[in-house]
Protein backbone atom coordinates (compact mmCIF):
# COMPACT_ATOMS: atom_id res chain seq x y z
CA MET A 1 156.25 205.46 100.43
CA ARG A 2 154.14 204.40 97.55
CA HIS A 3 151.52 206.82 98.08
CA SER A 4 152.78 209.99 99.50
CA LEU A 5 153.52 212.21 96.62
CA LYS A 6 150.40 211.23 94.68
CA ARG A 7 148.52 211.57 98.04
CA LEU A 8 150.39 215.21 98.49
CA ILE A 9 149.38 216.09 94.99
CA TRP A 10 145.81 215.31 95.14
CA PHE A 11 145.80 216.80 98.51
CA VAL A 12 146.82 220.28 97.59
CA SER A 13 144.50 219.91 94.34
CA SER A 14 141.59 218.85 96.05
CA CYS A 15 141.66 219.73 99.79
CA SER A 16 138.98 222.83 99.09
CA LEU A 17 136.48 220.66 97.83
CA LEU A 18 136.74 217.92 100.48
CA GLN A 19 136.61 220.39 103.31
CA ALA A 20 133.28 222.08 101.60
CA ALA A 21 131.56 218.64 101.95
CA THR A 22 133.07 217.47 105.50
CA PRO A 23 135.04 219.15 108.37
CA SER A 24 139.14 218.84 107.80
CA PHE A 25 141.05 216.11 109.49
CA ASP A 26 144.73 216.86 110.35
CA GLY A 27 147.02 213.81 109.70
CA ASN A 28 149.87 215.77 111.57
CA ARG A 29 147.71 216.22 114.86
CA ALA A 30 146.55 212.63 114.52
CA PHE A 31 150.53 211.68 114.44
CA THR A 32 150.96 213.86 117.41
CA TYR A 33 148.49 211.72 119.11
CA LEU A 34 150.15 208.36 118.22
CA THR A 35 153.56 209.94 119.71
CA ILE A 36 151.83 210.92 122.92
CA GLN A 37 150.74 207.10 123.48
CA THR A 38 154.12 205.64 122.70
CA ASP A 39 156.04 208.17 124.54
CA MET A 40 154.02 206.07 127.42
CA GLY A 41 155.64 203.28 126.94
CA PRO A 42 154.12 199.87 125.90
CA ARG A 43 150.38 199.56 126.96
CA ASN A 44 150.11 195.88 127.78
CA PRO A 45 147.58 195.34 130.23
CA GLY A 46 149.12 195.65 133.87
CA SER A 47 151.83 198.19 132.97
CA ARG A 48 152.11 201.75 133.48
CA GLY A 49 151.82 202.72 130.24
CA HIS A 50 148.50 200.89 130.10
CA ALA A 51 147.26 202.81 133.40
CA ALA A 52 148.31 206.18 131.63
CA CYS A 53 146.90 205.48 128.32
CA ILE A 54 143.51 204.74 130.05
CA GLN A 55 143.55 207.84 132.07
CA TRP A 56 144.45 209.92 129.04
CA LEU A 57 141.62 208.52 127.03
CA MET A 58 139.16 209.43 129.68
CA GLU A 59 140.50 212.71 130.08
CA THR A 60 140.37 213.54 126.48
CA GLY A 61 136.84 212.07 126.02
CA GLU A 62 135.65 214.26 128.93
CA LYS A 63 136.69 217.35 126.95
CA TRP A 64 135.02 216.52 123.70
CA ALA A 65 132.41 213.76 123.88
CA ASP A 66 128.82 214.32 125.39
CA THR A 67 129.22 210.95 127.57
CA VAL A 68 132.30 208.85 128.51
CA VAL A 69 131.84 205.47 129.57
CA THR A 70 134.22 202.73 130.94
CA GLN A 71 133.46 199.17 131.15
CA GLU A 72 136.01 197.57 133.35
CA PHE A 73 136.22 193.96 133.97
CA THR A 74 138.62 190.97 134.45
CA GLY A 75 140.84 189.32 131.68
CA TYR A 76 142.56 186.19 130.85
CA ASN A 77 146.33 186.63 131.04
CA PRO A 78 148.18 183.57 129.12
CA TYR A 79 151.46 185.05 129.63
CA GLY A 80 151.23 185.28 133.67
CA PRO A 81 150.41 183.55 136.46
CA ASP A 82 147.26 186.18 137.40
CA ASN A 83 144.52 187.64 135.72
CA VAL A 84 144.54 191.49 134.77
CA SER A 85 142.07 194.61 135.09
CA LEU A 86 141.08 195.64 131.53
CA THR A 87 138.71 198.60 130.82
CA ASN A 88 137.12 199.55 127.40
CA VAL A 89 136.82 203.33 126.91
CA ILE A 90 133.89 204.45 125.02
CA PHE A 91 133.30 208.31 123.46
CA ARG A 92 129.23 208.48 123.05
CA PHE A 93 128.20 211.51 121.14
CA GLN A 94 124.32 212.04 120.84
CA PRO A 95 123.88 209.07 123.09
CA LYS A 96 120.26 209.20 122.91
CA ASN A 97 119.96 209.17 119.31
CA PRO A 98 119.06 205.62 118.09
CA GLU A 99 120.21 206.09 114.55
CA ARG A 100 123.96 205.32 115.47
CA VAL A 101 127.35 203.78 114.13
CA MET A 102 130.55 202.63 115.86
CA LEU A 103 134.22 203.48 115.24
CA SER A 104 136.67 201.53 117.01
CA ALA A 105 140.36 200.47 117.52
CA HIS A 106 142.19 198.76 120.47
CA PHE A 107 144.59 200.75 122.63
CA ASP A 108 146.44 197.69 124.27
CA THR A 109 149.76 196.40 122.75
CA ARG A 110 150.91 192.91 122.59
CA PRO A 111 152.67 191.68 125.67
CA VAL A 112 155.48 189.70 124.19
CA ALA A 113 157.26 190.14 120.79
CA ASP A 114 156.84 186.80 119.66
CA LEU A 115 157.74 187.45 116.05
CA ASP A 116 160.84 189.12 116.62
CA ARG A 117 164.38 187.68 116.63
CA PHE A 118 165.35 189.06 119.97
CA ARG A 119 163.75 190.05 123.58
CA ARG A 120 160.50 187.87 122.68
CA ASN A 121 159.36 187.72 126.10
CA GLU A 122 159.23 191.74 126.44
CA PRO A 123 156.27 193.75 125.62
CA ILE A 124 156.35 195.85 122.21
CA LEU A 125 155.75 199.68 121.85
CA GLY A 126 153.05 199.23 119.44
CA ALA A 127 153.29 202.40 117.11
CA ASN A 128 151.24 201.09 114.53
CA ASP A 129 149.44 198.10 116.22
CA GLY A 130 147.53 199.90 118.85
CA ALA A 131 148.49 203.68 118.76
CA SER A 132 147.63 204.26 114.96
CA GLY A 133 143.93 203.56 115.45
CA VAL A 134 143.46 205.46 118.38
CA ALA A 135 145.33 208.25 117.26
CA VAL A 136 142.84 208.62 114.35
CA LEU A 137 139.90 208.26 116.54
CA VAL A 138 141.15 210.79 118.97
CA HIS A 139 141.28 213.37 116.61
CA LEU A 140 137.79 212.17 115.09
CA ALA A 141 136.21 212.78 118.38
CA GLN A 142 137.71 216.45 118.50
CA ILE A 143 136.01 216.89 115.20
CA LEU A 144 132.67 215.69 116.18
CA ALA A 145 132.86 217.80 119.51
CA GLN A 146 132.97 221.00 116.96
CA PHE A 147 130.77 219.57 114.07
CA PRO A 148 127.75 217.02 115.49
CA PRO A 149 127.08 214.50 112.69
CA ALA A 150 123.59 213.91 111.77
CA ILE A 151 123.71 210.53 113.65
CA GLY A 152 124.87 209.27 117.17
CA VAL A 153 128.49 208.07 117.23
CA ASP A 154 130.26 205.79 119.51
CA ILE A 155 134.07 206.06 119.61
CA ALA A 156 135.34 202.73 121.32
CA PHE A 157 138.69 201.94 122.35
CA TRP A 158 139.10 198.21 122.99
CA ASP A 159 141.31 196.60 125.63
CA GLY A 160 142.54 193.39 125.79
CA GLU A 161 142.93 192.91 121.71
CA ASP A 162 146.16 191.59 121.67
CA MET A 163 146.56 189.50 124.99
CA GLY A 164 146.42 185.97 123.12
CA ARG A 165 148.60 183.23 122.27
CA PRO A 166 148.88 182.10 118.66
CA ASP A 167 146.15 179.75 117.44
CA TYR A 168 144.23 180.60 120.41
CA PRO A 169 141.61 183.13 119.15
CA GLU A 170 139.51 183.16 122.18
CA GLU A 171 142.31 184.78 124.00
CA PHE A 172 142.54 187.92 121.77
CA CYS A 173 139.92 190.56 121.24
CA GLN A 174 138.83 190.18 124.82
CA GLY A 175 137.50 193.87 125.32
CA SER A 176 135.15 193.54 122.07
CA ARG A 177 133.78 190.26 123.23
CA TYR A 178 133.06 191.69 126.63
CA TYR A 179 131.13 194.84 125.10
CA SER A 180 129.45 192.36 122.41
CA GLN A 181 127.96 190.61 125.85
CA THR A 182 127.31 193.76 127.35
CA PRO A 183 126.56 196.35 124.86
CA LEU A 184 125.63 199.91 125.38
CA GLU A 185 122.13 200.93 124.51
CA PRO A 186 120.93 202.35 122.09
CA VAL A 187 123.13 199.87 120.13
CA PRO A 188 125.02 200.92 117.05
CA HIS A 189 123.64 199.41 113.56
CA ARG A 190 127.07 199.00 112.31
CA GLY A 191 130.34 199.78 112.59
CA ILE A 192 134.23 200.25 111.14
CA LEU A 193 137.38 199.06 113.20
CA ILE A 194 140.77 200.59 112.30
CA ASP A 195 143.90 198.67 113.13
CA MET A 196 147.56 198.85 111.75
CA ILE A 197 146.46 202.07 109.47
CA GLY A 198 149.94 203.98 110.22
CA ASP A 199 152.09 202.08 107.82
CA SER A 200 154.00 204.31 106.10
CA GLU A 201 153.75 202.26 102.86
CA LEU A 202 150.02 201.85 103.58
CA GLN A 203 147.83 199.46 101.59
CA ILE A 204 144.23 198.43 102.40
CA PHE A 205 142.78 195.33 100.84
CA TYR A 206 139.19 193.68 101.30
CA GLU A 207 139.39 191.69 105.10
CA LEU A 208 137.71 188.50 104.26
CA TYR A 209 135.61 188.40 107.79
CA SER A 210 134.39 191.92 106.75
CA LEU A 211 132.97 190.75 103.49
CA ARG A 212 131.25 187.98 105.23
CA PHE A 213 129.92 190.08 108.09
CA ALA A 214 129.27 193.29 105.97
CA PRO A 215 129.63 193.07 102.47
CA GLU A 216 127.43 196.27 101.57
CA LEU A 217 129.36 198.50 104.08
CA THR A 218 132.89 197.12 103.13
CA LYS A 219 131.85 198.08 99.35
CA GLU A 220 130.64 201.32 100.94
CA ILE A 221 133.95 202.35 102.29
CA TRP A 222 136.07 201.53 99.11
CA ASP A 223 133.49 203.67 97.20
CA THR A 224 134.14 206.60 99.60
CA ALA A 225 137.61 205.95 99.52
CA LYS A 226 137.85 206.18 95.87
CA LYS A 227 135.47 209.57 95.72
CA ALA A 228 138.16 210.93 98.50
CA GLY A 229 140.89 210.21 95.96
CA TYR A 230 142.38 207.38 97.77
CA ALA A 231 141.83 204.38 95.05
CA ASP A 232 145.43 203.87 95.06
CA VAL A 233 145.61 203.15 98.88
CA PHE A 234 141.97 201.17 99.29
CA ILE A 235 142.57 198.77 96.97
CA PRO A 236 139.33 196.50 95.93
CA LYS A 237 140.97 193.27 95.97
CA HIS A 238 140.52 190.29 98.40
CA GLY A 239 143.41 190.52 101.09
CA PRO A 240 143.80 188.33 104.29
CA MET A 241 141.38 186.90 106.94
CA VAL A 242 142.11 188.61 110.34
CA TYR A 243 140.50 187.68 113.46
CA ASP A 244 140.28 191.06 115.04
CA ASP A 245 137.57 192.86 117.44
CA HIS A 246 135.23 193.19 114.36
CA VAL A 247 134.54 189.50 114.48
CA PRO A 248 133.18 189.45 117.86
CA LEU A 249 131.21 192.89 117.22
CA SER A 250 129.43 191.23 114.40
CA GLU A 251 128.61 187.98 115.88
CA GLY A 252 127.28 190.07 118.41
CA GLY A 253 124.96 191.95 116.29
CA ILE A 254 126.71 195.19 114.80
CA PRO A 255 128.14 194.02 111.49
CA THR A 256 131.86 195.75 111.30
CA VAL A 257 134.20 196.29 108.56
CA ASN A 258 137.96 195.96 109.53
CA ILE A 259 140.12 198.46 107.64
CA ILE A 260 143.59 196.77 108.34
CA ASP A 261 147.13 196.72 106.46
CA PHE A 262 148.07 193.45 107.74
CA GLN A 263 151.47 193.43 105.62
CA TYR A 264 153.48 195.72 107.89
CA PRO A 265 155.63 197.12 106.05
CA ASP A 266 155.15 194.65 102.97
CA ALA A 267 155.22 191.22 102.05
CA ARG A 268 158.89 190.76 102.28
CA ARG A 269 159.45 192.25 105.72
CA ASN A 270 157.87 192.39 108.78
CA TYR A 271 157.03 194.78 111.82
CA TRP A 272 154.16 193.27 113.21
CA HIS A 273 154.50 191.89 116.76
CA THR A 274 158.23 192.93 116.82
CA HIS A 275 160.14 195.92 118.55
CA GLU A 276 160.27 197.31 115.22
CA ASP A 277 156.69 198.49 115.47
CA THR A 278 158.00 202.22 116.41
CA PRO A 279 156.51 205.52 115.21
CA ASP A 280 159.46 206.00 112.54
CA LYS A 281 157.79 203.08 110.63
CA CYS A 282 154.45 205.03 110.58
CA ALA A 283 153.38 208.45 108.49
CA PRO A 284 150.85 211.46 109.27
CA GLU A 285 149.85 210.78 105.68
CA SER A 286 148.69 206.99 106.18
CA LEU A 287 146.49 208.79 109.13
CA GLN A 288 145.47 211.47 106.82
CA CYS A 289 144.08 209.07 104.70
CA ILE A 290 141.97 207.32 106.92
CA GLY A 291 140.86 210.37 108.69
CA ASP A 292 139.48 211.78 105.52
CA VAL A 293 137.87 208.51 104.14
CA LEU A 294 136.07 208.26 107.82
CA LEU A 295 135.11 211.85 107.99
CA MET A 296 133.55 211.64 104.36
CA TRP A 297 131.87 208.15 105.26
CA LEU A 298 130.50 209.58 108.55
CA TYR A 299 129.32 213.16 107.47
CA GLY A 300 127.59 211.21 104.60
CA GLN A 301 125.29 209.24 107.02
CA GLU A 302 121.83 210.38 107.73
């Protein structure tokens, strides 16, 4: 792992300073939330794992959030003869507070392994592409329940993000697109999307749609990461342009930044959209990094 030893040294020497400023994030606990999801199996829409994940999210939100809202709608399925039922699950903290932000991730997994050499027509497990972002946000919800922030927060779990065929962007991001057309009031002023952030070789570059839609927020997040000691992970250089849930959200009026490591695990190898996307390719230290940065940023808002 490129950053684990350096991160461990920093964490031991600086955790008291970080905890004094913000509540403490536990990467190991977040990792258990990752494996809870992968133990359900693939969570592609229409599967038993998909239904189990929705139920788990709803039950979790009822424990920790002030309000849990579900948005049920019919989604387009390009890989089957019938449409599918999709459900966004949204945890709301201080739901009446007009000063609010959104943190989000998608929980569905890819219905096909189109980039694998084998079993291409079978759904993937999605440990990184799906479970990692959800794991961080579920643990954040647990923390928000204990330490209410100064502003309202929506934690949204999008369905139908990974349903599309290559070169058909309108088939992806179905849950966030539905929300952007039917937002909850009061609407968050800005947001952060996390996706594919569990990679054990985590490196995060500027995502180019994020720079287009929310350049100031992008810089704010990278500055926060530097203050938190993660300059070796959040690298202030241009990365790829990734069509993800932040695009329909930004186009719908919520400028949103995508925190994503799209080279999974690196420029030479690829586990993305393959059956190699399993928990052993992910690391608690990576979830710790993202959780620390989000907490520091969130509790710095007024």
